[in-house]
Amino acid sequence: MRKSGWMLAPLAAAVLLAGCRSTACEDLAAAYAEVARKSQPCVEQAPLPAFEAGRCEKNLQECGGEDLAQLEAQVKCYQGLGTCNPELQTAFFQALTTCDSYALSNTCEAAIF
């Protein structure tokens, strides 16, 4: 049975694009860096702890589907934060606290942080 090249093209494109996608750990590391940048007008030190994407990548298998959904929601929340305005810093930190409320399982959190 002969296979057409056009049937293999979408599969090849999906494989190539999958290699370009960032991982949950890379997304979270980028979000942490962005929060640090956005918070600079209000604080000298980043409000989030240091995050090692390598440790996260190494241990991400400890996180289940619900954990990954929570991580994705947290990243989106962080991305939605505006830059902190000193006159409105209370609102900024309340929004940051909301982002932090996307809770991971204890197993996942201990593994990736």
PDB file of N, CA and C in Angstrom:
ATOM      1  N   MET A   1       0.838  -1.165   0.000  1.00  0.00           N
ATOM      2  CA  MET A   1       0.000   0.000   0.000  1.00  0.00           C
ATOM      3  C   MET A   1       0.894   1.242   0.000  1.00  0.00           C
ATOM      4  N   ARG A   2       0.628   2.140  -0.890  1.00  0.00           N
ATOM      5  CA  ARG A   2       1.418   3.351  -1.043  1.00  0.00           C
ATOM      6  C   ARG A   2       0.845   4.469  -0.175  1.00  0.00           C
ATOM      7  N   LYS A   3       1.719   5.172   0.519  1.00  0.00           N
ATOM      8  CA  LYS A   3       1.280   6.294   1.357  1.00  0.00           C
ATOM      9  C   LYS A   3       1.582   7.580   0.638  1.00  0.00           C
ATOM     10  N   SER A   4       0.667   8.492   0.681  1.00  0.00           N
ATOM     11  CA  SER A   4       0.858   9.788   0.050  1.00  0.00           C
ATOM     12  C   SER A   4       1.685  10.697   0.935  1.00  0.00           C
ATOM     13  N   GLY A   5       2.504  11.510   0.299  1.00  0.00           N
ATOM     14  CA  GLY A   5       3.308  12.478   1.025  1.00  0.00           C
ATOM     15  C   GLY A   5       2.467  13.511   1.752  1.00  0.00           C
ATOM     16  N   TRP A   6       1.320  13.856   1.207  1.00  0.00           N
ATOM     17  CA  TRP A   6       0.487  14.883   1.836  1.00  0.00           C
ATOM     18  C   TRP A   6      -0.078  14.413   3.167  1.00  0.00           C
ATOM     19  N   MET A   7      -0.176  13.112   3.357  1.00  0.00           N
ATOM     20  CA  MET A   7      -0.677  12.607   4.638  1.00  0.00           C
ATOM     21  C   MET A   7       0.411  12.693   5.709  1.00  0.00           C
ATOM     22  N   LEU A   8       1.649  12.597   5.292  1.00  0.00           N
ATOM     23  CA  LEU A   8       2.749  12.655   6.250  1.00  0.00           C
ATOM     24  C   LEU A   8       3.135  14.087   6.608  1.00  0.00           C
ATOM     25  N   ALA A   9       2.817  15.029   5.745  1.00  0.00           N
ATOM     26  CA  ALA A   9       3.202  16.421   5.984  1.00  0.00           C
ATOM     27  C   ALA A   9       2.622  16.985   7.282  1.00  0.00           C
ATOM     28  N   PRO A  10       1.331  16.803   7.574  1.00  0.00           N
ATOM     29  CA  PRO A  10       0.815  17.337   8.845  1.00  0.00           C
ATOM     30  C   PRO A  10       1.487  16.706  10.062  1.00  0.00           C
ATOM     31  N   LEU A  11       1.794  15.404   9.963  1.00  0.00           N
ATOM     32  CA  LEU A  11       2.466  14.744  11.071  1.00  0.00           C
ATOM     33  C   LEU A  11       3.860  15.324  11.283  1.00  0.00           C
ATOM     34  N   ALA A  12       4.584  15.533  10.191  1.00  0.00           N
ATOM     35  CA  ALA A  12       5.923  16.116  10.284  1.00  0.00           C
ATOM     36  C   ALA A  12       5.862  17.528  10.850  1.00  0.00           C
ATOM     37  N   ALA A  13       4.875  18.307  10.433  1.00  0.00           N
ATOM     38  CA  ALA A  13       4.730  19.669  10.940  1.00  0.00           C
ATOM     39  C   ALA A  13       4.427  19.654  12.437  1.00  0.00           C
ATOM     40  N   ALA A  14       3.592  18.730  12.869  1.00  0.00           N
ATOM     41  CA  ALA A  14       3.259  18.642  14.301  1.00  0.00           C
ATOM     42  C   ALA A  14       4.493  18.292  15.122  1.00  0.00           C
ATOM     43  N   VAL A  15       5.313  17.376  14.605  1.00  0.00           N
ATOM     44  CA  VAL A  15       6.527  16.999  15.328  1.00  0.00           C
ATOM     45  C   VAL A  15       7.484  18.176  15.412  1.00  0.00           C
ATOM     46  N   LEU A  16       7.643  18.906  14.319  1.00  0.00           N
ATOM     47  CA  LEU A  16       8.538  20.065  14.323  1.00  0.00           C
ATOM     48  C   LEU A  16       8.040  21.154  15.261  1.00  0.00           C
ATOM     49  N   LEU A  17       6.749  21.428  15.220  1.00  0.00           N
ATOM     50  CA  LEU A  17       6.191  22.471  16.086  1.00  0.00           C
ATOM     51  C   LEU A  17       6.252  22.065  17.549  1.00  0.00           C
ATOM     52  N   ALA A  18       6.092  20.795  17.830  1.00  0.00           N
ATOM     53  CA  ALA A  18       6.176  20.343  19.220  1.00  0.00           C
ATOM     54  C   ALA A  18       7.558  20.627  19.780  1.00  0.00           C
ATOM     55  N   GLY A  19       8.588  20.529  18.958  1.00  0.00           N
ATOM     56  CA  GLY A  19       9.935  20.836  19.394  1.00  0.00           C
ATOM     57  C   GLY A  19      10.124  22.304  19.695  1.00  0.00           C
ATOM     58  N   CYS A  20       9.292  23.176  19.141  1.00  0.00           N
ATOM     59  CA  CYS A  20       9.397  24.616  19.346  1.00  0.00           C
ATOM     60  C   CYS A  20       8.613  25.088  20.567  1.00  0.00           C
ATOM     61  N   ARG A  21       7.695  24.281  21.041  1.00  0.00           N
ATOM     62  CA  ARG A  21       6.873  24.686  22.169  1.00  0.00           C
ATOM     63  C   ARG A  21       7.698  24.782  23.430  1.00  0.00           C
ATOM     64  N   SER A  22       7.379  25.742  24.246  1.00  0.00           N
ATOM     65  CA  SER A  22       8.061  25.827  25.526  1.00  0.00           C
ATOM     66  C   SER A  22       7.372  24.882  26.500  1.00  0.00           C
ATOM     67  N   THR A  23       8.050  24.536  27.534  1.00  0.00           N
ATOM     68  CA  THR A  23       7.485  23.640  28.535  1.00  0.00           C
ATOM     69  C   THR A  23       6.862  24.454  29.664  1.00  0.00           C
ATOM     70  N   ALA A  24       6.145  23.768  30.511  1.00  0.00           N
ATOM     71  CA  ALA A  24       5.541  24.426  31.669  1.00  0.00           C
ATOM     72  C   ALA A  24       6.622  25.080  32.522  1.00  0.00           C
ATOM     73  N   CYS A  25       7.776  24.443  32.638  1.00  0.00           N
ATOM     74  CA  CYS A  25       8.863  24.987  33.454  1.00  0.00           C
ATOM     75  C   CYS A  25       9.448  26.247  32.824  1.00  0.00           C
ATOM     76  N   GLU A  26       9.643  26.228  31.523  1.00  0.00           N
ATOM     77  CA  GLU A  26      10.155  27.416  30.842  1.00  0.00           C
ATOM     78  C   GLU A  26       9.151  28.562  30.936  1.00  0.00           C
ATOM     79  N   ASP A  27       7.868  28.229  30.781  1.00  0.00           N
ATOM     80  CA  ASP A  27       6.828  29.252  30.889  1.00  0.00           C
ATOM     81  C   ASP A  27       6.802  29.862  32.285  1.00  0.00           C
ATOM     82  N   LEU A  28       6.927  29.016  33.290  1.00  0.00           N
ATOM     83  CA  LEU A  28       6.905  29.511  34.669  1.00  0.00           C
ATOM     84  C   LEU A  28       8.139  30.353  34.966  1.00  0.00           C
ATOM     85  N   ALA A  29       9.301  29.924  34.488  1.00  0.00           N
ATOM     86  CA  ALA A  29      10.528  30.705  34.686  1.00  0.00           C
ATOM     87  C   ALA A  29      10.400  32.075  34.021  1.00  0.00           C
ATOM     88  N   ALA A  30       9.853  32.105  32.817  1.00  0.00           N
ATOM     89  CA  ALA A  30       9.658  33.379  32.116  1.00  0.00           C
ATOM     90  C   ALA A  30       8.665  34.259  32.868  1.00  0.00           C
ATOM     91  N   ALA A  31       7.610  33.657  33.401  1.00  0.00           N
ATOM     92  CA  ALA A  31       6.617  34.427  34.163  1.00  0.00           C
ATOM     93  C   ALA A  31       7.233  34.991  35.438  1.00  0.00           C
ATOM     94  N   TYR A  32       8.062  34.208  36.130  1.00  0.00           N
ATOM     95  CA  TYR A  32       8.727  34.700  37.331  1.00  0.00           C
ATOM     96  C   TYR A  32       9.633  35.887  36.998  1.00  0.00           C
ATOM     97  N   ALA A  33      10.359  35.769  35.905  1.00  0.00           N
ATOM     98  CA  ALA A  33      11.238  36.870  35.491  1.00  0.00           C
ATOM     99  C   ALA A  33      10.419  38.111  35.153  1.00  0.00           C
ATOM    100  N   GLU A  34       9.287  37.922  34.518  1.00  0.00           N
ATOM    101  CA  GLU A  34       8.420  39.045  34.152  1.00  0.00           C
ATOM    102  C   GLU A  34       7.825  39.693  35.406  1.00  0.00           C
ATOM    103  N   VAL A  35       7.440  38.901  36.389  1.00  0.00           N
ATOM    104  CA  VAL A  35       6.923  39.453  37.649  1.00  0.00           C
ATOM    105  C   VAL A  35       8.017  40.261  38.337  1.00  0.00           C
ATOM    106  N   ALA A  36       9.232  39.766  38.317  1.00  0.00           N
ATOM    107  CA  ALA A  36      10.344  40.506  38.923  1.00  0.00           C
ATOM    108  C   ALA A  36      10.500  41.864  38.243  1.00  0.00           C
ATOM    109  N   ARG A  37      10.417  41.879  36.916  1.00  0.00           N
ATOM    110  CA  ARG A  37      10.542  43.136  36.166  1.00  0.00           C
ATOM    111  C   ARG A  37       9.364  44.071  36.459  1.00  0.00           C
ATOM    112  N   LYS A  38       8.159  43.526  36.476  1.00  0.00           N
ATOM    113  CA  LYS A  38       6.958  44.334  36.701  1.00  0.00           C
ATOM    114  C   LYS A  38       6.889  44.891  38.119  1.00  0.00           C
ATOM    115  N   SER A  39       7.519  44.238  39.067  1.00  0.00           N
ATOM    116  CA  SER A  39       7.451  44.683  40.460  1.00  0.00           C
ATOM    117  C   SER A  39       8.531  45.699  40.814  1.00  0.00           C
ATOM    118  N   GLN A  40       9.521  45.890  39.955  1.00  0.00           N
ATOM    119  CA  GLN A  40      10.658  46.771  40.260  1.00  0.00           C
ATOM    120  C   GLN A  40      10.277  48.190  40.680  1.00  0.00           C
ATOM    121  N   PRO A  41       9.247  48.810  40.105  1.00  0.00           N
ATOM    122  CA  PRO A  41       8.924  50.169  40.569  1.00  0.00           C
ATOM    123  C   PRO A  41       8.480  50.237  42.036  1.00  0.00           C
ATOM    124  N   CYS A  42       8.108  49.086  42.600  1.00  0.00           N
ATOM    125  CA  CYS A  42       7.575  49.087  43.962  1.00  0.00           C
ATOM    126  C   CYS A  42       8.494  48.443  45.001  1.00  0.00           C
ATOM    127  N   VAL A  43       9.338  47.538  44.584  1.00  0.00           N
ATOM    128  CA  VAL A  43      10.198  46.819  45.541  1.00  0.00           C
ATOM    129  C   VAL A  43      11.597  46.643  44.967  1.00  0.00           C
ATOM    130  N   GLU A  44      12.562  46.543  45.847  1.00  0.00           N
ATOM    131  CA  GLU A  44      13.938  46.333  45.407  1.00  0.00           C
ATOM    132  C   GLU A  44      14.216  44.879  45.074  1.00  0.00           C
ATOM    133  N   GLN A  45      13.580  43.969  45.806  1.00  0.00           N
ATOM    134  CA  GLN A  45      13.813  42.543  45.621  1.00  0.00           C
ATOM    135  C   GLN A  45      12.557  41.900  45.036  1.00  0.00           C
ATOM    136  N   ALA A  46      12.741  40.964  44.109  1.00  0.00           N
ATOM    137  CA  ALA A  46      11.608  40.275  43.474  1.00  0.00           C
ATOM    138  C   ALA A  46      10.714  39.636  44.536  1.00  0.00           C
ATOM    139  N   PRO A  47       9.405  39.722  44.361  1.00  0.00           N
ATOM    140  CA  PRO A  47       8.489  39.189  45.366  1.00  0.00           C
ATOM    141  C   PRO A  47       8.320  37.669  45.311  1.00  0.00           C
ATOM    142  N   LEU A  48       8.829  37.030  44.264  1.00  0.00           N
ATOM    143  CA  LEU A  48       8.728  35.581  44.148  1.00  0.00           C
ATOM    144  C   LEU A  48      10.092  34.953  44.434  1.00  0.00           C
ATOM    145  N   PRO A  49      10.099  33.744  44.962  1.00  0.00           N
ATOM    146  CA  PRO A  49      11.384  33.098  45.249  1.00  0.00           C
ATOM    147  C   PRO A  49      12.126  32.759  43.960  1.00  0.00           C
ATOM    148  N   ALA A  50      13.403  32.460  44.096  1.00  0.00           N
ATOM    149  CA  ALA A  50      14.192  32.045  42.931  1.00  0.00           C
ATOM    150  C   ALA A  50      13.579  30.776  42.349  1.00  0.00           C
ATOM    151  N   PHE A  51      13.614  30.679  41.039  1.00  0.00           N
ATOM    152  CA  PHE A  51      13.036  29.517  40.371  1.00  0.00           C
ATOM    153  C   PHE A  51      14.052  28.946  39.404  1.00  0.00           C
ATOM    154  N   GLU A  52      14.330  27.667  39.538  1.00  0.00           N
ATOM    155  CA  GLU A  52      15.287  26.984  38.679  1.00  0.00           C
ATOM    156  C   GLU A  52      14.532  26.114  37.677  1.00  0.00           C
ATOM    157  N   ALA A  53      14.489  26.557  36.414  1.00  0.00           N
ATOM    158  CA  ALA A  53      13.770  25.801  35.390  1.00  0.00           C
ATOM    159  C   ALA A  53      14.355  24.404  35.219  1.00  0.00           C
ATOM    160  N   GLY A  54      15.670  24.254  35.386  1.00  0.00           N
ATOM    161  CA  GLY A  54      16.299  22.949  35.249  1.00  0.00           C
ATOM    162  C   GLY A  54      15.798  21.948  36.276  1.00  0.00           C
ATOM    163  N   ARG A  55      15.684  22.384  37.528  1.00  0.00           N
ATOM    164  CA  ARG A  55      15.147  21.503  38.574  1.00  0.00           C
ATOM    165  C   ARG A  55      13.709  21.135  38.249  1.00  0.00           C
ATOM    166  N   CYS A  56      12.955  22.108  37.800  1.00  0.00           N
ATOM    167  CA  CYS A  56      11.566  21.876  37.430  1.00  0.00           C
ATOM    168  C   CYS A  56      11.480  20.837  36.314  1.00  0.00           C
ATOM    169  N   GLU A  57      12.255  21.030  35.259  1.00  0.00           N
ATOM    170  CA  GLU A  57      12.246  20.092  34.127  1.00  0.00           C
ATOM    171  C   GLU A  57      12.581  18.672  34.582  1.00  0.00           C
ATOM    172  N   LYS A  58      13.570  18.576  35.438  1.00  0.00           N
ATOM    173  CA  LYS A  58      14.041  17.273  35.913  1.00  0.00           C
ATOM    174  C   LYS A  58      12.955  16.538  36.700  1.00  0.00           C
ATOM    175  N   ASN A  59      12.112  17.273  37.404  1.00  0.00           N
ATOM    176  CA  ASN A  59      11.149  16.669  38.322  1.00  0.00           C
ATOM    177  C   ASN A  59       9.685  16.864  37.928  1.00  0.00           C
ATOM    178  N   LEU A  60       9.438  17.400  36.765  1.00  0.00           N
ATOM    179  CA  LEU A  60       8.059  17.722  36.360  1.00  0.00           C
ATOM    180  C   LEU A  60       7.157  16.492  36.318  1.00  0.00           C
ATOM    181  N   GLN A  61       7.732  15.315  36.121  1.00  0.00           N
ATOM    182  CA  GLN A  61       6.923  14.096  36.070  1.00  0.00           C
ATOM    183  C   GLN A  61       6.206  13.829  37.393  1.00  0.00           C
ATOM    184  N   GLU A  62       6.619  14.505  38.457  1.00  0.00           N
ATOM    185  CA  GLU A  62       5.957  14.357  39.754  1.00  0.00           C
ATOM    186  C   GLU A  62       4.628  15.111  39.804  1.00  0.00           C
ATOM    187  N   CYS A  63       4.369  15.923  38.801  1.00  0.00           N
ATOM    188  CA  CYS A  63       3.155  16.732  38.759  1.00  0.00           C
ATOM    189  C   CYS A  63       2.105  16.060  37.878  1.00  0.00           C
ATOM    190  N   GLY A  64       0.916  15.939  38.405  1.00  0.00           N
ATOM    191  CA  GLY A  64      -0.181  15.327  37.662  1.00  0.00           C
ATOM    192  C   GLY A  64      -0.890  16.334  36.776  1.00  0.00           C
ATOM    193  N   GLY A  65      -1.911  15.883  36.115  1.00  0.00           N
ATOM    194  CA  GLY A  65      -2.678  16.713  35.191  1.00  0.00           C
ATOM    195  C   GLY A  65      -3.276  17.950  35.839  1.00  0.00           C
ATOM    196  N   GLU A  66      -3.801  17.795  37.039  1.00  0.00           N
ATOM    197  CA  GLU A  66      -4.385  18.948  37.743  1.00  0.00           C
ATOM    198  C   GLU A  66      -3.295  19.959  38.095  1.00  0.00           C
ATOM    199  N   ASP A  67      -2.127  19.459  38.482  1.00  0.00           N
ATOM    200  CA  ASP A  67      -1.004  20.349  38.784  1.00  0.00           C
ATOM    201  C   ASP A  67      -0.610  21.146  37.542  1.00  0.00           C
ATOM    202  N   LEU A  68      -0.542  20.482  36.402  1.00  0.00           N
ATOM    203  CA  LEU A  68      -0.152  21.166  35.165  1.00  0.00           C
ATOM    204  C   LEU A  68      -1.178  22.215  34.779  1.00  0.00           C
ATOM    205  N   ALA A  69      -2.455  21.919  35.011  1.00  0.00           N
ATOM    206  CA  ALA A  69      -3.507  22.908  34.737  1.00  0.00           C
ATOM    207  C   ALA A  69      -3.360  24.106  35.675  1.00  0.00           C
ATOM    208  N   GLN A  70      -3.036  23.852  36.938  1.00  0.00           N
ATOM    209  CA  GLN A  70      -2.826  24.933  37.905  1.00  0.00           C
ATOM    210  C   GLN A  70      -1.614  25.776  37.518  1.00  0.00           C
ATOM    211  N   LEU A  71      -0.532  25.117  37.076  1.00  0.00           N
ATOM    212  CA  LEU A  71       0.657  25.851  36.633  1.00  0.00           C
ATOM    213  C   LEU A  71       0.330  26.750  35.453  1.00  0.00           C
ATOM    214  N   GLU A  72      -0.428  26.221  34.511  1.00  0.00           N
ATOM    215  CA  GLU A  72      -0.800  27.008  33.339  1.00  0.00           C
ATOM    216  C   GLU A  72      -1.648  28.215  33.741  1.00  0.00           C
ATOM    217  N   ALA A  73      -2.598  28.001  34.644  1.00  0.00           N
ATOM    218  CA  ALA A  73      -3.441  29.102  35.116  1.00  0.00           C
ATOM    219  C   ALA A  73      -2.603  30.143  35.862  1.00  0.00           C
ATOM    220  N   GLN A  74      -1.655  29.671  36.648  1.00  0.00           N
ATOM    221  CA  GLN A  74      -0.796  30.596  37.391  1.00  0.00           C
ATOM    222  C   GLN A  74       0.054  31.428  36.431  1.00  0.00           C
ATOM    223  N   VAL A  75       0.631  30.790  35.424  1.00  0.00           N
ATOM    224  CA  VAL A  75       1.440  31.514  34.439  1.00  0.00           C
ATOM    225  C   VAL A  75       0.596  32.569  33.734  1.00  0.00           C
ATOM    226  N   LYS A  76      -0.607  32.214  33.326  1.00  0.00           N
ATOM    227  CA  LYS A  76      -1.488  33.178  32.654  1.00  0.00           C
ATOM    228  C   LYS A  76      -1.820  34.346  33.573  1.00  0.00           C
ATOM    229  N   CYS A  77      -2.025  34.046  34.845  1.00  0.00           N
ATOM    230  CA  CYS A  77      -2.322  35.094  35.815  1.00  0.00           C
ATOM    231  C   CYS A  77      -1.134  36.038  35.954  1.00  0.00           C
ATOM    232  N   TYR A  78       0.062  35.478  36.109  1.00  0.00           N
ATOM    233  CA  TYR A  78       1.268  36.308  36.199  1.00  0.00           C
ATOM    234  C   TYR A  78       1.447  37.167  34.943  1.00  0.00           C
ATOM    235  N   GLN A  79       1.196  36.574  33.794  1.00  0.00           N
ATOM    236  CA  GLN A  79       1.345  37.308  32.536  1.00  0.00           C
ATOM    237  C   GLN A  79       0.357  38.469  32.448  1.00  0.00           C
ATOM    238  N   GLY A  80      -0.778  38.333  33.100  1.00  0.00           N
ATOM    239  CA  GLY A  80      -1.795  39.371  33.062  1.00  0.00           C
ATOM    240  C   GLY A  80      -1.553  40.533  34.012  1.00  0.00           C
ATOM    241  N   LEU A  81      -0.564  40.403  34.882  1.00  0.00           N
ATOM    242  CA  LEU A  81      -0.266  41.500  35.809  1.00  0.00           C
ATOM    243  C   LEU A  81       0.292  42.697  35.050  1.00  0.00           C
ATOM    244  N   GLY A  82      -0.128  43.865  35.461  1.00  0.00           N
ATOM    245  CA  GLY A  82       0.474  45.077  34.925  1.00  0.00           C
ATOM    246  C   GLY A  82       1.723  45.413  35.719  1.00  0.00           C
ATOM    247  N   THR A  83       2.415  46.432  35.300  1.00  0.00           N
ATOM    248  CA  THR A  83       3.590  46.895  36.037  1.00  0.00           C
ATOM    249  C   THR A  83       3.131  47.601  37.301  1.00  0.00           C
ATOM    250  N   CYS A  84       3.805  47.340  38.375  1.00  0.00           N
ATOM    251  CA  CYS A  84       3.445  47.924  39.664  1.00  0.00           C
ATOM    252  C   CYS A  84       3.622  49.440  39.634  1.00  0.00           C
ATOM    253  N   ASN A  85       2.630  50.124  40.127  1.00  0.00           N
ATOM    254  CA  ASN A  85       2.658  51.571  40.284  1.00  0.00           C
ATOM    255  C   ASN A  85       2.770  51.828  41.787  1.00  0.00           C
ATOM    256  N   PRO A  86       3.776  52.578  42.241  1.00  0.00           N
ATOM    257  CA  PRO A  86       3.940  52.779  43.681  1.00  0.00           C
ATOM    258  C   PRO A  86       2.680  53.272  44.394  1.00  0.00           C
ATOM    259  N   GLU A  87       1.885  54.088  43.731  1.00  0.00           N
ATOM    260  CA  GLU A  87       0.656  54.564  44.377  1.00  0.00           C
ATOM    261  C   GLU A  87      -0.405  53.479  44.481  1.00  0.00           C
ATOM    262  N   LEU A  88      -0.270  52.443  43.667  1.00  0.00           N
ATOM    263  CA  LEU A  88      -1.265  51.364  43.649  1.00  0.00           C
ATOM    264  C   LEU A  88      -0.636  50.006  43.975  1.00  0.00           C
ATOM    265  N   GLN A  89       0.445  50.032  44.732  1.00  0.00           N
ATOM    266  CA  GLN A  89       1.156  48.785  44.969  1.00  0.00           C
ATOM    267  C   GLN A  89       0.337  47.770  45.750  1.00  0.00           C
ATOM    268  N   THR A  90      -0.557  48.207  46.610  1.00  0.00           N
ATOM    269  CA  THR A  90      -1.395  47.260  47.347  1.00  0.00           C
ATOM    270  C   THR A  90      -2.213  46.422  46.377  1.00  0.00           C
ATOM    271  N   ALA A  91      -2.785  47.056  45.371  1.00  0.00           N
ATOM    272  CA  ALA A  91      -3.574  46.331  44.366  1.00  0.00           C
ATOM    273  C   ALA A  91      -2.692  45.356  43.580  1.00  0.00           C
ATOM    274  N   PHE A  92      -1.474  45.771  43.246  1.00  0.00           N
ATOM    275  CA  PHE A  92      -0.555  44.898  42.524  1.00  0.00           C
ATOM    276  C   PHE A  92      -0.266  43.640  43.341  1.00  0.00           C
ATOM    277  N   PHE A  93       0.035  43.815  44.616  1.00  0.00           N
ATOM    278  CA  PHE A  93       0.378  42.667  45.444  1.00  0.00           C
ATOM    279  C   PHE A  93      -0.829  41.802  45.771  1.00  0.00           C
ATOM    280  N   GLN A  94      -2.026  42.391  45.801  1.00  0.00           N
ATOM    281  CA  GLN A  94      -3.237  41.581  45.945  1.00  0.00           C
ATOM    282  C   GLN A  94      -3.432  40.709  44.703  1.00  0.00           C
ATOM    283  N   ALA A  95      -3.200  41.286  43.523  1.00  0.00           N
ATOM    284  CA  ALA A  95      -3.306  40.516  42.281  1.00  0.00           C
ATOM    285  C   ALA A  95      -2.249  39.414  42.242  1.00  0.00           C
ATOM    286  N   LEU A  96      -1.056  39.708  42.713  1.00  0.00           N
ATOM    287  CA  LEU A  96       0.010  38.708  42.774  1.00  0.00           C
ATOM    288  C   LEU A  96      -0.380  37.567  43.715  1.00  0.00           C
ATOM    289  N   THR A  97      -0.993  37.904  44.828  1.00  0.00           N
ATOM    290  CA  THR A  97      -1.464  36.893  45.778  1.00  0.00           C
ATOM    291  C   THR A  97      -2.528  36.009  45.133  1.00  0.00           C
ATOM    292  N   THR A  98      -3.379  36.606  44.330  1.00  0.00           N
ATOM    293  CA  THR A  98      -4.384  35.830  43.603  1.00  0.00           C
ATOM    294  C   THR A  98      -3.700  34.824  42.682  1.00  0.00           C
ATOM    295  N   CYS A  99      -2.672  35.250  41.984  1.00  0.00           N
ATOM    296  CA  CYS A  99      -1.926  34.345  41.103  1.00  0.00           C
ATOM    297  C   CYS A  99      -1.288  33.214  41.891  1.00  0.00           C
ATOM    298  N   ASP A 100      -0.785  33.526  43.060  1.00  0.00           N
ATOM    299  CA  ASP A 100      -0.145  32.519  43.907  1.00  0.00           C
ATOM    300  C   ASP A 100      -1.149  31.510  44.467  1.00  0.00           C
ATOM    301  N   SER A 101      -2.425  31.829  44.418  1.00  0.00           N
ATOM    302  CA  SER A 101      -3.432  30.946  45.013  1.00  0.00           C
ATOM    303  C   SER A 101      -3.732  29.716  44.163  1.00  0.00           C
ATOM    304  N   TYR A 102      -3.206  29.631  42.963  1.00  0.00           N
ATOM    305  CA  TYR A 102      -3.374  28.425  42.155  1.00  0.00           C
ATOM    306  C   TYR A 102      -2.465  27.351  42.757  1.00  0.00           C
ATOM    307  N   ALA A 103      -3.038  26.549  43.629  1.00  0.00           N
ATOM    308  CA  ALA A 103      -2.257  25.630  44.450  1.00  0.00           C
ATOM    309  C   ALA A 103      -1.898  24.341  43.712  1.00  0.00           C
ATOM    310  N   LEU A 104      -0.662  23.918  43.936  1.00  0.00           N
ATOM    311  CA  LEU A 104      -0.172  22.649  43.413  1.00  0.00           C
ATOM    312  C   LEU A 104      -0.239  21.608  44.522  1.00  0.00           C
ATOM    313  N   SER A 105      -0.210  20.354  44.148  1.00  0.00           N
ATOM    314  CA  SER A 105      -0.138  19.303  45.170  1.00  0.00           C
ATOM    315  C   SER A 105       1.199  19.451  45.895  1.00  0.00           C
ATOM    316  N   ASN A 106       1.253  18.978  47.120  1.00  0.00           N
ATOM    317  CA  ASN A 106       2.498  19.053  47.890  1.00  0.00           C
ATOM    318  C   ASN A 106       3.639  18.324  47.176  1.00  0.00           C
ATOM    319  N   THR A 107       3.333  17.204  46.559  1.00  0.00           N
ATOM    320  CA  THR A 107       4.339  16.404  45.857  1.00  0.00           C
ATOM    321  C   THR A 107       4.924  17.199  44.699  1.00  0.00           C
ATOM    322  N   CYS A 108       4.072  17.805  43.898  1.00  0.00           N
ATOM    323  CA  CYS A 108       4.521  18.584  42.756  1.00  0.00           C
ATOM    324  C   CYS A 108       5.325  19.789  43.206  1.00  0.00           C
ATOM    325  N   GLU A 109       4.796  20.522  44.148  1.00  0.00           N
ATOM    326  CA  GLU A 109       5.483  21.732  44.619  1.00  0.00           C
ATOM    327  C   GLU A 109       6.873  21.414  45.161  1.00  0.00           C
ATOM    328  N   ALA A 110       6.973  20.361  45.966  1.00  0.00           N
ATOM    329  CA  ALA A 110       8.270  19.986  46.522  1.00  0.00           C
ATOM    330  C   ALA A 110       9.245  19.548  45.426  1.00  0.00           C
ATOM    331  N   ALA A 111       8.725  18.955  44.371  1.00  0.00           N
ATOM    332  CA  ALA A 111       9.583  18.450  43.306  1.00  0.00           C
ATOM    333  C   ALA A 111      10.137  19.546  42.406  1.00  0.00           C
ATOM    334  N   ILE A 112       9.329  20.545  42.094  1.00  0.00           N
ATOM    335  CA  ILE A 112       9.769  21.524  41.086  1.00  0.00           C
ATOM    336  C   ILE A 112      10.325  22.814  41.671  1.00  0.00           C
ATOM    337  N   PHE A 113      10.090  23.085  42.950  1.00  0.00           N
ATOM    338  CA  PHE A 113      10.624  24.322  43.549  1.00  0.00           C
ATOM    339  C   PHE A 113      11.790  24.036  44.456  1.00  0.00           C
TER     340      PHE A 113
END
